[in-house]
Amino acid sequence: MKTKATFYHAGCPVCVEAEHSLVHALDSQQYDVEIVHLGEDKVKIFEAKTQGVKSVPALSLNGTIFHINFGAAIDAVE
């Protein structure tokens, strides 16, 4: 069974670089990756905040949030 991984970003250069470097490095046999662009899918902001996302880019694995570099605070994305 695959583990769900959700990558949250806002489309900024830091986020796009993290997506290309990190998300594509995840083993597709182990992870079912969902990429969420919070700038385009504002409905998902509440979901991200509820999970503990404080800034983007961020990766959620098994309910644990990993903040990667710093592109923008989640409140700035709203």
PDB file of N, CA and C in Angstrom:
ATOM      1  N   MET A   1       0.844  -1.181   0.000  1.00  0.00           N
ATOM      2  CA  MET A   1       0.000   0.000   0.000  1.00  0.00           C
ATOM      3  C   MET A   1       0.891   1.247   0.000  1.00  0.00           C
ATOM      4  N   LYS A   2       0.560   2.206  -0.844  1.00  0.00           N
ATOM      5  CA  LYS A   2       1.338   3.435  -0.939  1.00  0.00           C
ATOM      6  C   LYS A   2       0.994   4.402   0.192  1.00  0.00           C
ATOM      7  N   THR A   3       1.982   5.189   0.567  1.00  0.00           N
ATOM      8  CA  THR A   3       1.805   6.248   1.551  1.00  0.00           C
ATOM      9  C   THR A   3       1.430   7.516   0.805  1.00  0.00           C
ATOM     10  N   LYS A   4       0.455   8.246   1.345  1.00  0.00           N
ATOM     11  CA  LYS A   4       0.063   9.504   0.724  1.00  0.00           C
ATOM     12  C   LYS A   4       1.052  10.596   1.122  1.00  0.00           C
ATOM     13  N   ALA A   5       1.499  11.345   0.135  1.00  0.00           N
ATOM     14  CA  ALA A   5       2.365  12.499   0.346  1.00  0.00           C
ATOM     15  C   ALA A   5       1.697  13.690  -0.327  1.00  0.00           C
ATOM     16  N   THR A   6       1.573  14.794   0.388  1.00  0.00           N
ATOM     17  CA  THR A   6       0.977  16.000  -0.177  1.00  0.00           C
ATOM     18  C   THR A   6       2.009  17.110  -0.136  1.00  0.00           C
ATOM     19  N   PHE A   7       2.278  17.687  -1.299  1.00  0.00           N
ATOM     20  CA  PHE A   7       3.222  18.791  -1.417  1.00  0.00           C
ATOM     21  C   PHE A   7       2.423  20.068  -1.622  1.00  0.00           C
ATOM     22  N   TYR A   8       2.531  20.988  -0.659  1.00  0.00           N
ATOM     23  CA  TYR A   8       1.827  22.270  -0.726  1.00  0.00           C
ATOM     24  C   TYR A   8       2.803  23.348  -1.178  1.00  0.00           C
ATOM     25  N   HIS A   9       2.362  24.167  -2.124  1.00  0.00           N
ATOM     26  CA  HIS A   9       3.199  25.279  -2.562  1.00  0.00           C
ATOM     27  C   HIS A   9       2.331  26.424  -3.064  1.00  0.00           C
ATOM     28  N   ALA A  10       2.997  27.556  -3.341  1.00  0.00           N
ATOM     29  CA  ALA A  10       2.267  28.747  -3.786  1.00  0.00           C
ATOM     30  C   ALA A  10       2.702  29.216  -5.171  1.00  0.00           C
ATOM     31  N   GLY A  11       3.548  28.460  -5.827  1.00  0.00           N
ATOM     32  CA  GLY A  11       3.967  28.810  -7.177  1.00  0.00           C
ATOM     33  C   GLY A  11       5.172  29.732  -7.260  1.00  0.00           C
ATOM     34  N   CYS A  12       5.729  30.109  -6.112  1.00  0.00           N
ATOM     35  CA  CYS A  12       6.897  30.997  -6.118  1.00  0.00           C
ATOM     36  C   CYS A  12       8.126  30.209  -6.593  1.00  0.00           C
ATOM     37  N   PRO A  13       9.202  30.891  -6.961  1.00  0.00           N
ATOM     38  CA  PRO A  13      10.394  30.182  -7.445  1.00  0.00           C
ATOM     39  C   PRO A  13      10.955  29.156  -6.453  1.00  0.00           C
ATOM     40  N   VAL A  14      10.951  29.475  -5.161  1.00  0.00           N
ATOM     41  CA  VAL A  14      11.434  28.525  -4.153  1.00  0.00           C
ATOM     42  C   VAL A  14      10.560  27.274  -4.161  1.00  0.00           C
ATOM     43  N   CYS A  15       9.242  27.466  -4.259  1.00  0.00           N
ATOM     44  CA  CYS A  15       8.304  26.338  -4.263  1.00  0.00           C
ATOM     45  C   CYS A  15       8.474  25.464  -5.497  1.00  0.00           C
ATOM     46  N   VAL A  16       8.604  26.092  -6.641  1.00  0.00           N
ATOM     47  CA  VAL A  16       8.745  25.349  -7.895  1.00  0.00           C
ATOM     48  C   VAL A  16      10.040  24.544  -7.884  1.00  0.00           C
ATOM     49  N   GLU A  17      11.127  25.139  -7.405  1.00  0.00           N
ATOM     50  CA  GLU A  17      12.398  24.423  -7.324  1.00  0.00           C
ATOM     51  C   GLU A  17      12.282  23.235  -6.364  1.00  0.00           C
ATOM     52  N   ALA A  18      11.622  23.434  -5.221  1.00  0.00           N
ATOM     53  CA  ALA A  18      11.433  22.339  -4.267  1.00  0.00           C
ATOM     54  C   ALA A  18      10.592  21.224  -4.886  1.00  0.00           C
ATOM     55  N   GLU A  19       9.571  21.595  -5.628  1.00  0.00           N
ATOM     56  CA  GLU A  19       8.738  20.585  -6.291  1.00  0.00           C
ATOM     57  C   GLU A  19       9.579  19.755  -7.250  1.00  0.00           C
ATOM     58  N   HIS A  20      10.346  20.416  -8.087  1.00  0.00           N
ATOM     59  CA  HIS A  20      11.151  19.694  -9.070  1.00  0.00           C
ATOM     60  C   HIS A  20      12.231  18.832  -8.419  1.00  0.00           C
ATOM     61  N   SER A  21      12.825  19.328  -7.358  1.00  0.00           N
ATOM     62  CA  SER A  21      13.913  18.599  -6.710  1.00  0.00           C
ATOM     63  C   SER A  21      13.437  17.497  -5.774  1.00  0.00           C
ATOM     64  N   LEU A  22      12.445  17.794  -4.968  1.00  0.00           N
ATOM     65  CA  LEU A  22      12.039  16.876  -3.914  1.00  0.00           C
ATOM     66  C   LEU A  22      10.927  15.921  -4.337  1.00  0.00           C
ATOM     67  N   VAL A  23       9.858  16.457  -4.842  1.00  0.00           N
ATOM     68  CA  VAL A  23       8.699  15.624  -5.152  1.00  0.00           C
ATOM     69  C   VAL A  23       9.039  14.570  -6.193  1.00  0.00           C
ATOM     70  N   HIS A  24       9.792  14.956  -7.201  1.00  0.00           N
ATOM     71  CA  HIS A  24      10.124  14.002  -8.253  1.00  0.00           C
ATOM     72  C   HIS A  24      11.170  12.981  -7.793  1.00  0.00           C
ATOM     73  N   ALA A  25      11.800  13.229  -6.648  1.00  0.00           N
ATOM     74  CA  ALA A  25      12.771  12.286  -6.096  1.00  0.00           C
ATOM     75  C   ALA A  25      12.089  11.199  -5.257  1.00  0.00           C
ATOM     76  N   LEU A  26      10.832  11.414  -4.882  1.00  0.00           N
ATOM     77  CA  LEU A  26      10.115  10.410  -4.089  1.00  0.00           C
ATOM     78  C   LEU A  26       9.826   9.175  -4.945  1.00  0.00           C
ATOM     79  N   ASP A  27       9.985   8.033  -4.359  1.00  0.00           N
ATOM     80  CA  ASP A  27       9.749   6.766  -5.046  1.00  0.00           C
ATOM     81  C   ASP A  27       8.253   6.593  -5.318  1.00  0.00           C
ATOM     82  N   SER A  28       7.878   6.594  -6.586  1.00  0.00           N
ATOM     83  CA  SER A  28       6.464   6.489  -6.951  1.00  0.00           C
ATOM     84  C   SER A  28       5.876   5.120  -6.608  1.00  0.00           C
ATOM     85  N   GLN A  29       6.716   4.147  -6.317  1.00  0.00           N
ATOM     86  CA  GLN A  29       6.234   2.834  -5.880  1.00  0.00           C
ATOM     87  C   GLN A  29       5.796   2.875  -4.416  1.00  0.00           C
ATOM     88  N   GLN A  30       6.359   3.839  -3.659  1.00  0.00           N
ATOM     89  CA  GLN A  30       6.056   3.939  -2.229  1.00  0.00           C
ATOM     90  C   GLN A  30       5.097   5.066  -1.886  1.00  0.00           C
ATOM     91  N   TYR A  31       5.084   6.128  -2.706  1.00  0.00           N
ATOM     92  CA  TYR A  31       4.308   7.323  -2.373  1.00  0.00           C
ATOM     93  C   TYR A  31       3.330   7.701  -3.475  1.00  0.00           C
ATOM     94  N   ASP A  32       2.120   8.006  -3.045  1.00  0.00           N
ATOM     95  CA  ASP A  32       1.103   8.566  -3.924  1.00  0.00           C
ATOM     96  C   ASP A  32       1.131  10.064  -3.648  1.00  0.00           C
ATOM     97  N   VAL A  33       1.723  10.837  -4.567  1.00  0.00           N
ATOM     98  CA  VAL A  33       1.973  12.253  -4.334  1.00  0.00           C
ATOM     99  C   VAL A  33       0.866  13.125  -4.938  1.00  0.00           C
ATOM    100  N   GLU A  34       0.351  14.014  -4.104  1.00  0.00           N
ATOM    101  CA  GLU A  34      -0.608  15.029  -4.553  1.00  0.00           C
ATOM    102  C   GLU A  34       0.112  16.375  -4.452  1.00  0.00           C
ATOM    103  N   ILE A  35       0.102  17.128  -5.534  1.00  0.00           N
ATOM    104  CA  ILE A  35       0.707  18.459  -5.542  1.00  0.00           C
ATOM    105  C   ILE A  35      -0.420  19.480  -5.479  1.00  0.00           C
ATOM    106  N   VAL A  36      -0.376  20.335  -4.454  1.00  0.00           N
ATOM    107  CA  VAL A  36      -1.428  21.324  -4.235  1.00  0.00           C
ATOM    108  C   VAL A  36      -0.836  22.726  -4.360  1.00  0.00           C
ATOM    109  N   HIS A  37      -1.286  23.445  -5.374  1.00  0.00           N
ATOM    110  CA  HIS A  37      -0.874  24.847  -5.587  1.00  0.00           C
ATOM    111  C   HIS A  37      -1.901  25.709  -4.856  1.00  0.00           C
ATOM    112  N   LEU A  38      -1.523  26.204  -3.681  1.00  0.00           N
ATOM    113  CA  LEU A  38      -2.469  26.943  -2.839  1.00  0.00           C
ATOM    114  C   LEU A  38      -2.886  28.280  -3.436  1.00  0.00           C
ATOM    115  N   GLY A  39      -2.084  28.824  -4.321  1.00  0.00           N
ATOM    116  CA  GLY A  39      -2.460  30.063  -4.991  1.00  0.00           C
ATOM    117  C   GLY A  39      -3.607  29.854  -5.967  1.00  0.00           C
ATOM    118  N   GLU A  40      -3.710  28.644  -6.505  1.00  0.00           N
ATOM    119  CA  GLU A  40      -4.766  28.316  -7.465  1.00  0.00           C
ATOM    120  C   GLU A  40      -5.919  27.551  -6.828  1.00  0.00           C
ATOM    121  N   ASP A  41      -5.669  26.891  -5.721  1.00  0.00           N
ATOM    122  CA  ASP A  41      -6.684  26.068  -5.053  1.00  0.00           C
ATOM    123  C   ASP A  41      -6.855  26.548  -3.611  1.00  0.00           C
ATOM    124  N   LYS A  42      -7.440  27.737  -3.467  1.00  0.00           N
ATOM    125  CA  LYS A  42      -7.568  28.386  -2.147  1.00  0.00           C
ATOM    126  C   LYS A  42      -8.370  27.553  -1.146  1.00  0.00           C
ATOM    127  N   VAL A  43      -9.234  26.673  -1.622  1.00  0.00           N
ATOM    128  CA  VAL A  43     -10.036  25.821  -0.741  1.00  0.00           C
ATOM    129  C   VAL A  43      -9.126  24.926   0.105  1.00  0.00           C
ATOM    130  N   LYS A  44      -7.981  24.564  -0.416  1.00  0.00           N
ATOM    131  CA  LYS A  44      -7.055  23.666   0.277  1.00  0.00           C
ATOM    132  C   LYS A  44      -6.237  24.369   1.370  1.00  0.00           C
ATOM    133  N   ILE A  45      -6.305  25.697   1.457  1.00  0.00           N
ATOM    134  CA  ILE A  45      -5.546  26.425   2.478  1.00  0.00           C
ATOM    135  C   ILE A  45      -5.987  25.994   3.873  1.00  0.00           C
ATOM    136  N   PHE A  46      -7.282  25.875   4.095  1.00  0.00           N
ATOM    137  CA  PHE A  46      -7.787  25.443   5.399  1.00  0.00           C
ATOM    138  C   PHE A  46      -7.255  24.049   5.740  1.00  0.00           C
ATOM    139  N   GLU A  47      -7.289  23.143   4.764  1.00  0.00           N
ATOM    140  CA  GLU A  47      -6.766  21.790   4.960  1.00  0.00           C
ATOM    141  C   GLU A  47      -5.287  21.835   5.350  1.00  0.00           C
ATOM    142  N   ALA A  48      -4.521  22.639   4.637  1.00  0.00           N
ATOM    143  CA  ALA A  48      -3.085  22.748   4.914  1.00  0.00           C
ATOM    144  C   ALA A  48      -2.843  23.286   6.327  1.00  0.00           C
ATOM    145  N   LYS A  49      -3.550  24.338   6.690  1.00  0.00           N
ATOM    146  CA  LYS A  49      -3.382  24.925   8.025  1.00  0.00           C
ATOM    147  C   LYS A  49      -3.784  23.937   9.115  1.00  0.00           C
ATOM    148  N   THR A  50      -4.848  23.193   8.896  1.00  0.00           N
ATOM    149  CA  THR A  50      -5.314  22.203   9.862  1.00  0.00           C
ATOM    150  C   THR A  50      -4.263  21.120  10.082  1.00  0.00           C
ATOM    151  N   GLN A  51      -3.540  20.771   9.033  1.00  0.00           N
ATOM    152  CA  GLN A  51      -2.498  19.750   9.147  1.00  0.00           C
ATOM    153  C   GLN A  51      -1.234  20.285   9.803  1.00  0.00           C
ATOM    154  N   GLY A  52      -1.115  21.624   9.904  1.00  0.00           N
ATOM    155  CA  GLY A  52       0.055  22.194  10.556  1.00  0.00           C
ATOM    156  C   GLY A  52       1.012  22.926   9.647  1.00  0.00           C
ATOM    157  N   VAL A  53       0.614  23.153   8.401  1.00  0.00           N
ATOM    158  CA  VAL A  53       1.478  23.887   7.481  1.00  0.00           C
ATOM    159  C   VAL A  53       1.549  25.347   7.922  1.00  0.00           C
ATOM    160  N   LYS A  54       2.764  25.821   8.152  1.00  0.00           N
ATOM    161  CA  LYS A  54       3.002  27.205   8.578  1.00  0.00           C
ATOM    162  C   LYS A  54       3.576  28.048   7.448  1.00  0.00           C
ATOM    163  N   SER A  55       4.255  27.392   6.509  1.00  0.00           N
ATOM    164  CA  SER A  55       4.845  28.085   5.360  1.00  0.00           C
ATOM    165  C   SER A  55       4.944  27.099   4.206  1.00  0.00           C
ATOM    166  N   VAL A  56       5.111  27.654   3.031  1.00  0.00           N
ATOM    167  CA  VAL A  56       5.286  26.822   1.839  1.00  0.00           C
ATOM    168  C   VAL A  56       6.636  27.137   1.226  1.00  0.00           C
ATOM    169  N   PRO A  57       7.239  26.171   0.595  1.00  0.00           N
ATOM    170  CA  PRO A  57       6.759  24.818   0.321  1.00  0.00           C
ATOM    171  C   PRO A  57       6.808  23.934   1.563  1.00  0.00           C
ATOM    172  N   ALA A  58       5.888  22.978   1.585  1.00  0.00           N
ATOM    173  CA  ALA A  58       5.818  22.021   2.691  1.00  0.00           C
ATOM    174  C   ALA A  58       5.358  20.672   2.147  1.00  0.00           C
ATOM    175  N   LEU A  59       5.845  19.632   2.778  1.00  0.00           N
ATOM    176  CA  LEU A  59       5.499  18.275   2.381  1.00  0.00           C
ATOM    177  C   LEU A  59       4.875  17.566   3.575  1.00  0.00           C
ATOM    178  N   SER A  60       3.724  16.953   3.365  1.00  0.00           N
ATOM    179  CA  SER A  60       3.051  16.178   4.399  1.00  0.00           C
ATOM    180  C   SER A  60       3.234  14.696   4.096  1.00  0.00           C
ATOM    181  N   LEU A  61       3.841  13.984   5.052  1.00  0.00           N
ATOM    182  CA  LEU A  61       4.015  12.534   4.953  1.00  0.00           C
ATOM    183  C   LEU A  61       3.482  11.904   6.231  1.00  0.00           C
ATOM    184  N   ASN A  62       2.490  11.049   6.108  1.00  0.00           N
ATOM    185  CA  ASN A  62       1.920  10.364   7.263  1.00  0.00           C
ATOM    186  C   ASN A  62       1.513  11.319   8.377  1.00  0.00           C
ATOM    187  N   GLY A  63       1.000  12.484   8.022  1.00  0.00           N
ATOM    188  CA  GLY A  63       0.548  13.441   9.018  1.00  0.00           C
ATOM    189  C   GLY A  63       1.644  14.310   9.603  1.00  0.00           C
ATOM    190  N   THR A  64       2.882  14.107   9.185  1.00  0.00           N
ATOM    191  CA  THR A  64       3.988  14.936   9.640  1.00  0.00           C
ATOM    192  C   THR A  64       4.306  15.959   8.555  1.00  0.00           C
ATOM    193  N   ILE A  65       4.415  17.225   8.957  1.00  0.00           N
ATOM    194  CA  ILE A  65       4.699  18.296   8.009  1.00  0.00           C
ATOM    195  C   ILE A  65       6.189  18.609   8.012  1.00  0.00           C
ATOM    196  N   PHE A  66       6.755  18.638   6.823  1.00  0.00           N
ATOM    197  CA  PHE A  66       8.148  19.020   6.641  1.00  0.00           C
ATOM    198  C   PHE A  66       8.174  20.338   5.890  1.00  0.00           C
ATOM    199  N   HIS A  67       8.631  21.384   6.562  1.00  0.00           N
ATOM    200  CA  HIS A  67       8.756  22.699   5.925  1.00  0.00           C
ATOM    201  C   HIS A  67      10.094  22.753   5.208  1.00  0.00           C
ATOM    202  N   ILE A  68      10.049  23.082   3.940  1.00  0.00           N
ATOM    203  CA  ILE A  68      11.222  23.038   3.081  1.00  0.00           C
ATOM    204  C   ILE A  68      11.592  24.464   2.675  1.00  0.00           C
ATOM    205  N   ASN A  69      12.799  24.891   3.071  1.00  0.00           N
ATOM    206  CA  ASN A  69      13.241  26.240   2.743  1.00  0.00           C
ATOM    207  C   ASN A  69      12.154  27.219   3.199  1.00  0.00           C
ATOM    208  N   PHE A  70      12.039  28.371   2.599  1.00  0.00           N
ATOM    209  CA  PHE A  70      10.964  29.307   2.946  1.00  0.00           C
ATOM    210  C   PHE A  70      10.605  30.109   1.711  1.00  0.00           C
ATOM    211  N   GLY A  71       9.388  29.904   1.247  1.00  0.00           N
ATOM    212  CA  GLY A  71       8.891  30.657   0.106  1.00  0.00           C
ATOM    213  C   GLY A  71       7.927  31.738   0.553  1.00  0.00           C
ATOM    214  N   ALA A  72       6.971  31.347   1.414  1.00  0.00           N
ATOM    215  CA  ALA A  72       5.973  32.281   1.908  1.00  0.00           C
ATOM    216  C   ALA A  72       5.272  31.692   3.130  1.00  0.00           C
ATOM    217  N   ALA A  73       4.883  32.565   4.048  1.00  0.00           N
ATOM    218  CA  ALA A  73       4.076  32.129   5.181  1.00  0.00           C
ATOM    219  C   ALA A  73       2.688  31.756   4.689  1.00  0.00           C
ATOM    220  N   ILE A  74       2.074  30.784   5.316  1.00  0.00           N
ATOM    221  CA  ILE A  74       0.742  30.322   4.880  1.00  0.00           C
ATOM    222  C   ILE A  74      -0.276  31.463   4.936  1.00  0.00           C
ATOM    223  N   ASP A  75      -0.158  32.355   5.915  1.00  0.00           N
ATOM    224  CA  ASP A  75      -1.084  33.479   6.003  1.00  0.00           C
ATOM    225  C   ASP A  75      -0.949  34.443   4.828  1.00  0.00           C
ATOM    226  N   ALA A  76       0.240  34.550   4.258  1.00  0.00           N
ATOM    227  CA  ALA A  76       0.455  35.411   3.091  1.00  0.00           C
ATOM    228  C   ALA A  76      -0.177  34.813   1.834  1.00  0.00           C
ATOM    229  N   VAL A  77      -0.320  33.507   1.820  1.00  0.00           N
ATOM    230  CA  VAL A  77      -0.926  32.831   0.660  1.00  0.00           C
ATOM    231  C   VAL A  77      -2.416  33.069   0.616  1.00  0.00           C
ATOM    232  N   GLU A  78      -3.020  33.226   1.812  1.00  0.00           N
ATOM    233  CA  GLU A  78      -4.482  33.462   1.879  1.00  0.00           C
ATOM    234  C   GLU A  78      -4.804  34.741   1.176  1.00  0.00           C
TER     235      GLU A  78
END
